[in-house]
Amino acid sequence: MYAPATPVSERAFAVPPMHTRSPEHIYATLTLAFAADPPCRWLFPQPQQYLRYFPVFAQAFGGTALAHGTVVTDDGGAALWLAPGAEPDEEALVALVEESIEQPRRNHALRVFAEMGRVHPHEPHWYLPLIGVEPDCQGQGLGSALIRPVLDRCDAAGLPAYLEATSARSRTLYERLGFEAVGAIRVSNCPPIIPMLRRPH
């Protein structure tokens, strides 16, 4: 689904560890943050299904960030950034969909991920697959604080940043930070997903 990005030097784009929270803490924070996210709840509409499978989804989609030390966290929020050359775990995503979603919705879910991969940039870039703020911490500027450190790195290195907006509220935040919509992903009755790109400033 995700075309390999152009390999880049680890030394050129390495970043120091940016997180001090345990993986369990980070995935719990994201699970709370995405509990009302339209595409995620379309994927896992039943509460018990969501609670069981969303942490697995988060690990497959952005867990590489923990291994590479490119997670930005604060009390009540977490952002899983993937450095140039890093990608979601496609095999784990497909296995999760096959295990957790029944037909015919399973095929629709796979089409959503395939379309996300199709529009994903091929040039070296930083990718933000998941950023979340717990409900009682939202509206306090924490989302911007979790994004800006890597945008500063992007600007310094002359690299773009890429993400997908999954709600009108998140799109507004990303636009304030310089991201621009580059299309729309619409598959079946899945809520729209908006790919967004930010060129270095």
N, C-alpha and C. Protein backbone atom coordinates (compact mmCIF):
# COMPACT_ATOMS: atom_id res chain seq x y z
N MET A 1 0.82 -1.20 0.00
CA MET A 1 0.00 0.00 0.00
C MET A 1 0.86 1.26 0.00
N TYR A 2 1.91 1.27 0.82
CA TYR A 2 2.76 2.44 0.93
C TYR A 2 4.02 2.23 0.12
N ALA A 3 4.18 3.05 -0.92
CA ALA A 3 5.38 2.93 -1.75
C ALA A 3 6.59 3.36 -0.94
N PRO A 4 7.70 2.61 -1.04
CA PRO A 4 8.89 2.96 -0.27
C PRO A 4 9.38 4.36 -0.60
N ALA A 5 9.71 5.13 0.40
CA ALA A 5 10.27 6.44 0.18
C ALA A 5 11.73 6.30 -0.24
N THR A 6 12.25 7.34 -0.86
CA THR A 6 13.64 7.33 -1.25
C THR A 6 14.52 7.19 -0.01
N PRO A 7 15.44 6.21 0.03
CA PRO A 7 16.28 6.05 1.22
C PRO A 7 17.08 7.31 1.51
N VAL A 8 17.24 7.64 2.78
CA VAL A 8 18.02 8.79 3.15
C VAL A 8 19.00 8.38 4.25
N SER A 9 20.01 9.19 4.44
CA SER A 9 21.03 8.90 5.43
C SER A 9 20.46 8.98 6.83
N GLU A 10 20.65 7.91 7.63
CA GLU A 10 20.22 7.94 9.02
C GLU A 10 20.92 9.07 9.77
N ARG A 11 22.18 9.28 9.46
CA ARG A 11 22.93 10.32 10.15
C ARG A 11 22.39 11.70 9.82
N ALA A 12 21.97 11.89 8.57
CA ALA A 12 21.53 13.21 8.15
C ALA A 12 20.23 13.62 8.83
N PHE A 13 19.36 12.64 9.11
CA PHE A 13 18.03 12.98 9.61
C PHE A 13 17.74 12.39 10.98
N ALA A 14 18.78 11.86 11.66
CA ALA A 14 18.55 11.28 12.97
C ALA A 14 18.12 12.37 13.95
N VAL A 15 17.26 12.01 14.87
CA VAL A 15 16.82 12.96 15.89
C VAL A 15 17.00 12.30 17.25
N PRO A 16 17.23 13.09 18.28
CA PRO A 16 17.34 12.51 19.62
C PRO A 16 16.00 11.99 20.08
N PRO A 17 15.97 11.07 21.04
CA PRO A 17 14.69 10.58 21.55
C PRO A 17 13.83 11.73 22.04
N MET A 18 12.53 11.69 21.67
CA MET A 18 11.64 12.79 22.00
C MET A 18 10.51 12.34 22.91
N HIS A 19 10.60 11.15 23.49
CA HIS A 19 9.50 10.71 24.35
C HIS A 19 10.05 10.07 25.61
N THR A 20 9.29 10.20 26.68
CA THR A 20 9.67 9.58 27.94
C THR A 20 8.55 8.69 28.47
N ARG A 21 7.44 8.60 27.77
CA ARG A 21 6.31 7.79 28.20
C ARG A 21 6.51 6.36 27.72
N SER A 22 5.91 5.39 28.43
CA SER A 22 5.97 4.00 28.02
C SER A 22 5.07 3.80 26.80
N PRO A 23 5.33 2.75 26.01
CA PRO A 23 4.43 2.46 24.90
C PRO A 23 2.98 2.29 25.34
N GLU A 24 2.76 1.64 26.47
CA GLU A 24 1.39 1.43 26.96
C GLU A 24 0.71 2.76 27.23
N HIS A 25 1.45 3.70 27.82
CA HIS A 25 0.90 5.03 28.10
C HIS A 25 0.56 5.74 26.79
N ILE A 26 1.46 5.67 25.84
CA ILE A 26 1.25 6.36 24.56
C ILE A 26 0.03 5.79 23.83
N TYR A 27 -0.08 4.48 23.75
CA TYR A 27 -1.21 3.88 23.03
C TYR A 27 -2.52 4.12 23.78
N ALA A 28 -2.48 4.16 25.11
CA ALA A 28 -3.69 4.47 25.87
C ALA A 28 -4.13 5.90 25.61
N THR A 29 -3.17 6.83 25.55
CA THR A 29 -3.50 8.23 25.24
C THR A 29 -4.15 8.34 23.87
N LEU A 30 -3.57 7.68 22.88
CA LEU A 30 -4.12 7.74 21.53
C LEU A 30 -5.49 7.08 21.46
N THR A 31 -5.70 6.01 22.20
CA THR A 31 -7.00 5.34 22.20
C THR A 31 -8.08 6.28 22.74
N LEU A 32 -7.78 7.02 23.80
CA LEU A 32 -8.73 8.01 24.31
C LEU A 32 -8.94 9.13 23.29
N ALA A 33 -7.87 9.58 22.68
CA ALA A 33 -7.94 10.71 21.77
C ALA A 33 -8.77 10.43 20.53
N PHE A 34 -8.71 9.20 20.01
CA PHE A 34 -9.38 8.86 18.76
C PHE A 34 -10.75 8.22 18.97
N ALA A 35 -11.26 8.23 20.19
CA ALA A 35 -12.52 7.54 20.48
C ALA A 35 -13.70 8.11 19.70
N ALA A 36 -13.61 9.37 19.27
CA ALA A 36 -14.70 9.98 18.49
C ALA A 36 -14.25 10.34 17.08
N ASP A 37 -13.09 9.85 16.65
CA ASP A 37 -12.58 10.16 15.32
C ASP A 37 -13.43 9.46 14.26
N PRO A 38 -13.98 10.19 13.29
CA PRO A 38 -14.93 9.57 12.34
C PRO A 38 -14.39 8.36 11.58
N PRO A 39 -13.23 8.43 10.90
CA PRO A 39 -12.77 7.23 10.19
C PRO A 39 -12.41 6.07 11.12
N CYS A 40 -11.83 6.37 12.29
CA CYS A 40 -11.48 5.28 13.21
C CYS A 40 -12.71 4.57 13.74
N ARG A 41 -13.77 5.32 14.03
CA ARG A 41 -14.98 4.68 14.53
C ARG A 41 -15.77 4.03 13.40
N TRP A 42 -15.56 4.48 12.17
CA TRP A 42 -16.10 3.74 11.02
C TRP A 42 -15.39 2.39 10.91
N LEU A 43 -14.09 2.40 11.16
CA LEU A 43 -13.31 1.17 11.09
C LEU A 43 -13.70 0.21 12.21
N PHE A 44 -13.85 0.75 13.42
CA PHE A 44 -14.19 -0.06 14.60
C PHE A 44 -15.41 0.55 15.29
N PRO A 45 -16.62 0.30 14.79
CA PRO A 45 -17.81 0.98 15.31
C PRO A 45 -18.28 0.51 16.68
N GLN A 46 -18.02 -0.74 17.04
CA GLN A 46 -18.48 -1.25 18.32
C GLN A 46 -17.47 -0.91 19.42
N PRO A 47 -17.95 -0.46 20.60
CA PRO A 47 -17.02 -0.04 21.66
C PRO A 47 -15.99 -1.09 22.02
N GLN A 48 -16.42 -2.33 22.22
CA GLN A 48 -15.46 -3.36 22.61
C GLN A 48 -14.48 -3.66 21.48
N GLN A 49 -14.96 -3.57 20.25
CA GLN A 49 -14.09 -3.76 19.09
C GLN A 49 -13.04 -2.65 19.04
N TYR A 50 -13.48 -1.41 19.24
CA TYR A 50 -12.55 -0.28 19.22
C TYR A 50 -11.49 -0.41 20.31
N LEU A 51 -11.91 -0.68 21.53
CA LEU A 51 -10.97 -0.77 22.64
C LEU A 51 -9.97 -1.91 22.46
N ARG A 52 -10.40 -2.98 21.85
CA ARG A 52 -9.51 -4.12 21.64
C ARG A 52 -8.52 -3.87 20.50
N TYR A 53 -9.02 -3.30 19.40
CA TYR A 53 -8.20 -3.28 18.19
C TYR A 53 -7.51 -1.95 17.90
N PHE A 54 -8.01 -0.83 18.45
CA PHE A 54 -7.36 0.43 18.10
C PHE A 54 -5.90 0.46 18.54
N PRO A 55 -5.54 0.01 19.75
CA PRO A 55 -4.10 0.02 20.09
C PRO A 55 -3.26 -0.82 19.14
N VAL A 56 -3.81 -1.91 18.64
CA VAL A 56 -3.09 -2.74 17.66
C VAL A 56 -2.92 -1.97 16.36
N PHE A 57 -3.99 -1.26 15.96
CA PHE A 57 -3.93 -0.43 14.77
C PHE A 57 -2.87 0.66 14.92
N ALA A 58 -2.85 1.33 16.08
CA ALA A 58 -1.90 2.41 16.30
C ALA A 58 -0.47 1.90 16.23
N GLN A 59 -0.24 0.71 16.77
CA GLN A 59 1.10 0.14 16.73
C GLN A 59 1.53 -0.18 15.30
N ALA A 60 0.61 -0.73 14.51
CA ALA A 60 0.94 -1.06 13.13
C ALA A 60 1.11 0.19 12.27
N PHE A 61 0.29 1.19 12.53
CA PHE A 61 0.26 2.38 11.68
C PHE A 61 1.41 3.33 12.00
N GLY A 62 1.74 3.49 13.28
CA GLY A 62 2.77 4.46 13.63
C GLY A 62 3.78 3.99 14.64
N GLY A 63 3.73 2.71 15.02
CA GLY A 63 4.59 2.22 16.08
C GLY A 63 6.07 2.27 15.78
N THR A 64 6.44 2.33 14.50
CA THR A 64 7.85 2.46 14.14
C THR A 64 8.48 3.67 14.80
N ALA A 65 7.66 4.68 15.07
CA ALA A 65 8.18 5.90 15.70
C ALA A 65 8.78 5.62 17.07
N LEU A 66 8.21 4.68 17.81
CA LEU A 66 8.76 4.37 19.14
C LEU A 66 10.15 3.76 19.01
N ALA A 67 10.31 2.87 18.04
CA ALA A 67 11.62 2.23 17.85
C ALA A 67 12.68 3.24 17.43
N HIS A 68 12.27 4.27 16.68
CA HIS A 68 13.23 5.24 16.14
C HIS A 68 13.37 6.47 17.02
N GLY A 69 12.61 6.54 18.11
CA GLY A 69 12.71 7.70 18.99
C GLY A 69 12.15 8.97 18.41
N THR A 70 11.13 8.86 17.56
CA THR A 70 10.53 10.05 16.93
C THR A 70 9.09 10.25 17.38
N VAL A 71 8.85 9.98 18.66
CA VAL A 71 7.56 10.24 19.28
C VAL A 71 7.67 11.54 20.08
N VAL A 72 6.70 12.42 19.94
CA VAL A 72 6.64 13.63 20.75
C VAL A 72 5.47 13.46 21.70
N THR A 73 5.71 13.58 23.00
CA THR A 73 4.64 13.40 23.98
C THR A 73 4.64 14.55 24.98
N ASP A 74 3.49 14.72 25.59
CA ASP A 74 3.32 15.63 26.71
C ASP A 74 2.16 15.08 27.52
N ASP A 75 1.93 15.62 28.69
CA ASP A 75 0.80 15.14 29.48
C ASP A 75 -0.49 15.29 28.69
N GLY A 76 -1.13 14.17 28.38
CA GLY A 76 -2.41 14.21 27.68
C GLY A 76 -2.33 14.15 26.18
N GLY A 77 -1.15 14.00 25.60
CA GLY A 77 -1.06 13.96 24.14
C GLY A 77 0.16 13.21 23.64
N ALA A 78 0.08 12.75 22.39
CA ALA A 78 1.20 12.03 21.78
C ALA A 78 1.12 12.18 20.26
N ALA A 79 2.28 12.28 19.64
CA ALA A 79 2.38 12.34 18.18
C ALA A 79 3.41 11.32 17.74
N LEU A 80 3.01 10.40 16.86
CA LEU A 80 3.92 9.39 16.32
C LEU A 80 4.40 9.86 14.95
N TRP A 81 5.62 10.35 14.90
CA TRP A 81 6.22 10.82 13.65
C TRP A 81 7.09 9.73 13.03
N LEU A 82 6.99 9.61 11.72
CA LEU A 82 7.86 8.69 10.98
C LEU A 82 8.85 9.50 10.16
N ALA A 83 10.14 9.27 10.39
CA ALA A 83 11.19 9.99 9.70
C ALA A 83 11.27 9.54 8.24
N PRO A 84 11.96 10.30 7.39
CA PRO A 84 12.12 9.89 5.99
C PRO A 84 12.63 8.47 5.87
N GLY A 85 11.97 7.68 5.07
CA GLY A 85 12.34 6.28 4.87
C GLY A 85 11.59 5.31 5.74
N ALA A 86 10.98 5.76 6.85
CA ALA A 86 10.19 4.89 7.72
C ALA A 86 8.75 4.82 7.21
N GLU A 87 8.09 3.70 7.45
CA GLU A 87 6.75 3.48 6.91
C GLU A 87 5.89 2.73 7.92
N PRO A 88 4.57 2.83 7.77
CA PRO A 88 3.68 1.95 8.55
C PRO A 88 3.97 0.49 8.24
N ASP A 89 3.58 -0.40 9.15
CA ASP A 89 3.76 -1.84 8.96
C ASP A 89 2.57 -2.35 8.15
N GLU A 90 2.75 -2.44 6.84
CA GLU A 90 1.66 -2.80 5.95
C GLU A 90 1.13 -4.20 6.23
N GLU A 91 2.02 -5.15 6.46
CA GLU A 91 1.56 -6.52 6.72
C GLU A 91 0.73 -6.59 7.99
N ALA A 92 1.13 -5.87 9.03
CA ALA A 92 0.37 -5.87 10.27
C ALA A 92 -0.99 -5.20 10.09
N LEU A 93 -1.06 -4.15 9.28
CA LEU A 93 -2.33 -3.48 9.02
C LEU A 93 -3.30 -4.42 8.31
N VAL A 94 -2.81 -5.10 7.29
CA VAL A 94 -3.67 -6.02 6.54
C VAL A 94 -4.14 -7.15 7.46
N ALA A 95 -3.24 -7.70 8.26
CA ALA A 95 -3.62 -8.78 9.18
C ALA A 95 -4.66 -8.31 10.18
N LEU A 96 -4.51 -7.07 10.66
CA LEU A 96 -5.49 -6.53 11.61
C LEU A 96 -6.86 -6.39 10.97
N VAL A 97 -6.92 -5.85 9.77
CA VAL A 97 -8.20 -5.70 9.07
C VAL A 97 -8.86 -7.06 8.86
N GLU A 98 -8.07 -8.04 8.44
CA GLU A 98 -8.63 -9.36 8.18
C GLU A 98 -9.15 -10.02 9.45
N GLU A 99 -8.50 -9.75 10.59
CA GLU A 99 -8.93 -10.34 11.85
C GLU A 99 -10.13 -9.63 12.46
N SER A 100 -10.18 -8.31 12.33
CA SER A 100 -11.12 -7.53 13.14
C SER A 100 -12.37 -7.08 12.42
N ILE A 101 -12.39 -7.14 11.08
CA ILE A 101 -13.52 -6.58 10.33
C ILE A 101 -14.11 -7.64 9.43
N GLU A 102 -15.42 -7.79 9.47
CA GLU A 102 -16.10 -8.78 8.65
C GLU A 102 -16.42 -8.20 7.27
N GLN A 103 -16.63 -9.11 6.32
CA GLN A 103 -17.07 -8.69 5.00
C GLN A 103 -18.50 -8.16 5.09
N PRO A 104 -18.91 -7.24 4.18
CA PRO A 104 -18.12 -6.67 3.07
C PRO A 104 -17.28 -5.47 3.47
N ARG A 105 -17.40 -5.02 4.74
CA ARG A 105 -16.66 -3.82 5.16
C ARG A 105 -15.16 -4.05 5.11
N ARG A 106 -14.72 -5.28 5.22
CA ARG A 106 -13.29 -5.55 5.19
C ARG A 106 -12.66 -5.05 3.89
N ASN A 107 -13.31 -5.37 2.77
CA ASN A 107 -12.77 -4.92 1.49
C ASN A 107 -12.75 -3.40 1.39
N HIS A 108 -13.76 -2.73 1.93
CA HIS A 108 -13.79 -1.27 1.91
C HIS A 108 -12.63 -0.71 2.73
N ALA A 109 -12.37 -1.31 3.89
CA ALA A 109 -11.26 -0.84 4.73
C ALA A 109 -9.93 -1.01 4.01
N LEU A 110 -9.73 -2.13 3.36
CA LEU A 110 -8.49 -2.34 2.62
C LEU A 110 -8.35 -1.34 1.48
N ARG A 111 -9.47 -0.98 0.86
CA ARG A 111 -9.44 0.02 -0.21
C ARG A 111 -9.05 1.39 0.35
N VAL A 112 -9.51 1.71 1.56
CA VAL A 112 -9.14 2.98 2.17
C VAL A 112 -7.62 3.05 2.35
N PHE A 113 -7.03 2.00 2.91
CA PHE A 113 -5.58 1.99 3.12
C PHE A 113 -4.82 1.99 1.79
N ALA A 114 -5.36 1.30 0.79
CA ALA A 114 -4.71 1.30 -0.52
C ALA A 114 -4.73 2.69 -1.12
N GLU A 115 -5.83 3.40 -0.97
CA GLU A 115 -5.92 4.76 -1.51
C GLU A 115 -4.99 5.71 -0.74
N MET A 116 -4.89 5.52 0.57
CA MET A 116 -3.95 6.33 1.35
C MET A 116 -2.53 6.10 0.86
N GLY A 117 -2.19 4.85 0.57
CA GLY A 117 -0.86 4.56 0.05
C GLY A 117 -0.63 5.14 -1.33
N ARG A 118 -1.68 5.16 -2.15
CA ARG A 118 -1.54 5.65 -3.52
C ARG A 118 -1.19 7.13 -3.56
N VAL A 119 -1.78 7.92 -2.68
CA VAL A 119 -1.55 9.36 -2.71
C VAL A 119 -0.39 9.79 -1.82
N HIS A 120 0.22 8.84 -1.11
CA HIS A 120 1.31 9.18 -0.19
C HIS A 120 2.52 9.68 -0.99
N PRO A 121 3.21 10.72 -0.51
CA PRO A 121 4.37 11.24 -1.25
C PRO A 121 5.47 10.21 -1.40
N HIS A 122 6.20 10.30 -2.50
CA HIS A 122 7.33 9.42 -2.74
C HIS A 122 8.66 10.09 -2.39
N GLU A 123 8.68 11.40 -2.33
CA GLU A 123 9.91 12.12 -1.99
C GLU A 123 10.18 11.99 -0.49
N PRO A 124 11.43 12.15 -0.06
CA PRO A 124 11.72 12.11 1.38
C PRO A 124 10.88 13.14 2.13
N HIS A 125 10.32 12.73 3.24
CA HIS A 125 9.44 13.61 4.02
C HIS A 125 9.26 13.03 5.41
N TRP A 126 8.79 13.86 6.34
CA TRP A 126 8.34 13.40 7.65
C TRP A 126 6.85 13.15 7.57
N TYR A 127 6.42 12.03 8.13
CA TYR A 127 5.01 11.63 8.06
C TYR A 127 4.46 11.54 9.48
N LEU A 128 3.27 12.11 9.67
CA LEU A 128 2.59 12.06 10.96
C LEU A 128 1.35 11.19 10.84
N PRO A 129 1.48 9.87 11.03
CA PRO A 129 0.31 9.00 10.89
C PRO A 129 -0.71 9.17 12.01
N LEU A 130 -0.24 9.49 13.23
CA LEU A 130 -1.15 9.59 14.36
C LEU A 130 -0.70 10.69 15.31
N ILE A 131 -1.62 11.57 15.64
CA ILE A 131 -1.44 12.55 16.71
C ILE A 131 -2.76 12.62 17.46
N GLY A 132 -2.69 12.59 18.78
CA GLY A 132 -3.92 12.62 19.56
C GLY A 132 -3.74 13.31 20.89
N VAL A 133 -4.81 14.00 21.30
CA VAL A 133 -4.85 14.67 22.60
C VAL A 133 -6.07 14.16 23.35
N GLU A 134 -5.89 13.78 24.59
CA GLU A 134 -7.01 13.28 25.37
C GLU A 134 -8.12 14.33 25.44
N PRO A 135 -9.38 13.88 25.47
CA PRO A 135 -10.51 14.82 25.40
C PRO A 135 -10.44 15.97 26.40
N ASP A 136 -10.04 15.73 27.65
CA ASP A 136 -10.05 16.79 28.64
C ASP A 136 -8.86 17.74 28.52
N CYS A 137 -7.97 17.46 27.56
CA CYS A 137 -6.82 18.34 27.32
C CYS A 137 -6.93 19.07 25.98
N GLN A 138 -7.98 18.83 25.24
CA GLN A 138 -8.12 19.44 23.92
C GLN A 138 -8.47 20.92 24.03
N GLY A 139 -8.13 21.67 22.98
CA GLY A 139 -8.42 23.09 22.95
C GLY A 139 -7.46 23.95 23.75
N GLN A 140 -6.30 23.40 24.13
CA GLN A 140 -5.34 24.13 24.96
C GLN A 140 -4.00 24.35 24.24
N GLY A 141 -3.96 24.07 22.94
CA GLY A 141 -2.73 24.27 22.17
C GLY A 141 -1.76 23.11 22.20
N LEU A 142 -2.16 21.99 22.81
CA LEU A 142 -1.24 20.87 22.93
C LEU A 142 -0.97 20.23 21.58
N GLY A 143 -1.98 20.18 20.70
CA GLY A 143 -1.77 19.59 19.39
C GLY A 143 -0.67 20.30 18.62
N SER A 144 -0.72 21.63 18.61
CA SER A 144 0.33 22.40 17.94
C SER A 144 1.69 22.15 18.56
N ALA A 145 1.73 22.04 19.89
CA ALA A 145 3.01 21.83 20.58
C ALA A 145 3.62 20.48 20.24
N LEU A 146 2.78 19.49 19.92
CA LEU A 146 3.28 18.17 19.56
C LEU A 146 3.79 18.12 18.12
N ILE A 147 3.36 19.06 17.31
CA ILE A 147 3.71 19.07 15.89
C ILE A 147 4.92 19.96 15.60
N ARG A 148 5.00 21.09 16.26
CA ARG A 148 5.99 22.10 15.91
C ARG A 148 7.45 21.62 15.99
N PRO A 149 7.84 20.79 16.98
CA PRO A 149 9.27 20.40 17.02
C PRO A 149 9.75 19.71 15.75
N VAL A 150 8.91 18.88 15.15
CA VAL A 150 9.33 18.19 13.92
C VAL A 150 9.21 19.13 12.72
N LEU A 151 8.25 20.03 12.73
CA LEU A 151 8.19 21.02 11.64
C LEU A 151 9.45 21.88 11.63
N ASP A 152 9.97 22.20 12.80
CA ASP A 152 11.23 22.95 12.86
C ASP A 152 12.36 22.13 12.24
N ARG A 153 12.38 20.83 12.49
CA ARG A 153 13.40 19.96 11.88
C ARG A 153 13.21 19.91 10.36
N CYS A 154 11.95 19.85 9.94
CA CYS A 154 11.68 19.85 8.49
C CYS A 154 12.20 21.12 7.84
N ASP A 155 11.94 22.25 8.46
CA ASP A 155 12.39 23.52 7.89
C ASP A 155 13.91 23.58 7.84
N ALA A 156 14.56 23.10 8.90
CA ALA A 156 16.02 23.15 8.94
C ALA A 156 16.64 22.24 7.88
N ALA A 157 15.99 21.11 7.61
CA ALA A 157 16.52 20.15 6.65
C ALA A 157 15.97 20.35 5.23
N GLY A 158 15.02 21.28 5.07
CA GLY A 158 14.43 21.50 3.76
C GLY A 158 13.54 20.37 3.31
N LEU A 159 12.81 19.76 4.26
CA LEU A 159 11.97 18.60 3.96
C LEU A 159 10.49 18.92 4.16
N PRO A 160 9.62 18.33 3.35
CA PRO A 160 8.18 18.49 3.58
C PRO A 160 7.70 17.60 4.71
N ALA A 161 6.50 17.90 5.20
CA ALA A 161 5.80 17.07 6.19
C ALA A 161 4.45 16.70 5.61
N TYR A 162 3.96 15.53 5.98
CA TYR A 162 2.73 15.00 5.39
C TYR A 162 1.89 14.33 6.47
N LEU A 163 0.56 14.44 6.33
CA LEU A 163 -0.37 13.80 7.25
C LEU A 163 -1.73 13.69 6.57
N GLU A 164 -2.66 13.06 7.27
CA GLU A 164 -4.05 12.99 6.79
C GLU A 164 -4.96 13.57 7.86
N ALA A 165 -5.79 14.53 7.48
CA ALA A 165 -6.79 15.09 8.39
C ALA A 165 -8.03 14.20 8.35
N THR A 166 -8.59 13.91 9.52
CA THR A 166 -9.75 13.01 9.58
C THR A 166 -10.98 13.70 10.17
N SER A 167 -10.89 15.01 10.38
CA SER A 167 -12.04 15.77 10.86
C SER A 167 -11.84 17.23 10.47
N ALA A 168 -12.93 18.00 10.49
CA ALA A 168 -12.83 19.42 10.17
C ALA A 168 -11.96 20.15 11.20
N ARG A 169 -12.07 19.72 12.46
CA ARG A 169 -11.28 20.37 13.51
C ARG A 169 -9.79 20.14 13.31
N SER A 170 -9.40 18.90 12.99
CA SER A 170 -7.97 18.64 12.79
C SER A 170 -7.47 19.33 11.54
N ARG A 171 -8.30 19.39 10.50
CA ARG A 171 -7.86 20.08 9.28
C ARG A 171 -7.58 21.55 9.56
N THR A 172 -8.42 22.19 10.36
CA THR A 172 -8.21 23.59 10.69
C THR A 172 -6.89 23.79 11.42
N LEU A 173 -6.58 22.89 12.36
CA LEU A 173 -5.31 22.96 13.08
C LEU A 173 -4.15 22.84 12.11
N TYR A 174 -4.21 21.86 11.24
CA TYR A 174 -3.09 21.63 10.32
C TYR A 174 -2.91 22.79 9.36
N GLU A 175 -4.01 23.38 8.92
CA GLU A 175 -3.90 24.54 8.02
C GLU A 175 -3.21 25.70 8.73
N ARG A 176 -3.48 25.88 10.01
CA ARG A 176 -2.82 26.96 10.76
C ARG A 176 -1.31 26.74 10.82
N LEU A 177 -0.89 25.48 10.75
CA LEU A 177 0.53 25.16 10.82
C LEU A 177 1.19 25.09 9.45
N GLY A 178 0.46 25.44 8.41
CA GLY A 178 1.05 25.52 7.08
C GLY A 178 0.78 24.36 6.16
N PHE A 179 -0.02 23.37 6.59
CA PHE A 179 -0.36 22.24 5.72
C PHE A 179 -1.44 22.66 4.73
N GLU A 180 -1.40 22.08 3.55
CA GLU A 180 -2.41 22.34 2.52
C GLU A 180 -2.98 21.02 2.03
N ALA A 181 -4.29 21.00 1.81
CA ALA A 181 -4.95 19.79 1.29
C ALA A 181 -4.45 19.51 -0.12
N VAL A 182 -4.19 18.23 -0.41
CA VAL A 182 -3.72 17.83 -1.74
C VAL A 182 -4.65 16.79 -2.36
N GLY A 183 -5.87 16.70 -1.85
CA GLY A 183 -6.84 15.75 -2.39
C GLY A 183 -7.83 15.35 -1.33
N ALA A 184 -8.58 14.30 -1.63
CA ALA A 184 -9.55 13.76 -0.68
C ALA A 184 -9.70 12.27 -0.95
N ILE A 185 -9.73 11.49 0.11
CA ILE A 185 -9.90 10.04 0.00
C ILE A 185 -11.33 9.71 0.40
N ARG A 186 -12.09 9.19 -0.54
CA ARG A 186 -13.49 8.84 -0.29
C ARG A 186 -13.72 7.42 -0.81
N VAL A 187 -13.98 6.52 0.12
CA VAL A 187 -14.22 5.11 -0.22
C VAL A 187 -15.47 4.66 0.50
N SER A 188 -16.44 4.14 -0.26
CA SER A 188 -17.68 3.64 0.31
C SER A 188 -18.28 4.70 1.23
N ASN A 189 -18.72 4.30 2.42
CA ASN A 189 -19.30 5.26 3.36
C ASN A 189 -18.33 5.66 4.47
N CYS A 190 -17.04 5.43 4.24
CA CYS A 190 -16.03 5.90 5.20
C CYS A 190 -16.01 7.42 5.18
N PRO A 191 -16.01 8.07 6.34
CA PRO A 191 -15.88 9.54 6.36
C PRO A 191 -14.63 9.98 5.60
N PRO A 192 -14.68 11.13 4.95
CA PRO A 192 -13.56 11.56 4.11
C PRO A 192 -12.27 11.74 4.90
N ILE A 193 -11.17 11.41 4.24
CA ILE A 193 -9.83 11.58 4.78
C ILE A 193 -9.10 12.55 3.84
N ILE A 194 -8.49 13.59 4.41
CA ILE A 194 -7.89 14.64 3.59
C ILE A 194 -6.37 14.60 3.70
N PRO A 195 -5.67 14.16 2.64
CA PRO A 195 -4.20 14.21 2.66
C PRO A 195 -3.74 15.67 2.64
N MET A 196 -2.72 15.97 3.45
CA MET A 196 -2.24 17.34 3.55
C MET A 196 -0.71 17.35 3.56
N LEU A 197 -0.16 18.32 2.85
CA LEU A 197 1.30 18.44 2.69
C LEU A 197 1.74 19.83 3.14
N ARG A 198 2.86 19.87 3.81
CA ARG A 198 3.46 21.16 4.20
C ARG A 198 4.87 21.22 3.63
N ARG A 199 5.10 22.19 2.77
CA ARG A 199 6.44 22.40 2.24
C ARG A 199 7.29 23.12 3.27
N PRO A 200 8.61 22.88 3.28
CA PRO A 200 9.46 23.55 4.29
C PRO A 200 9.40 25.05 4.15
N HIS A 201 9.43 25.73 5.27
CA HIS A 201 9.39 27.19 5.31
C HIS A 201 10.80 27.73 5.50
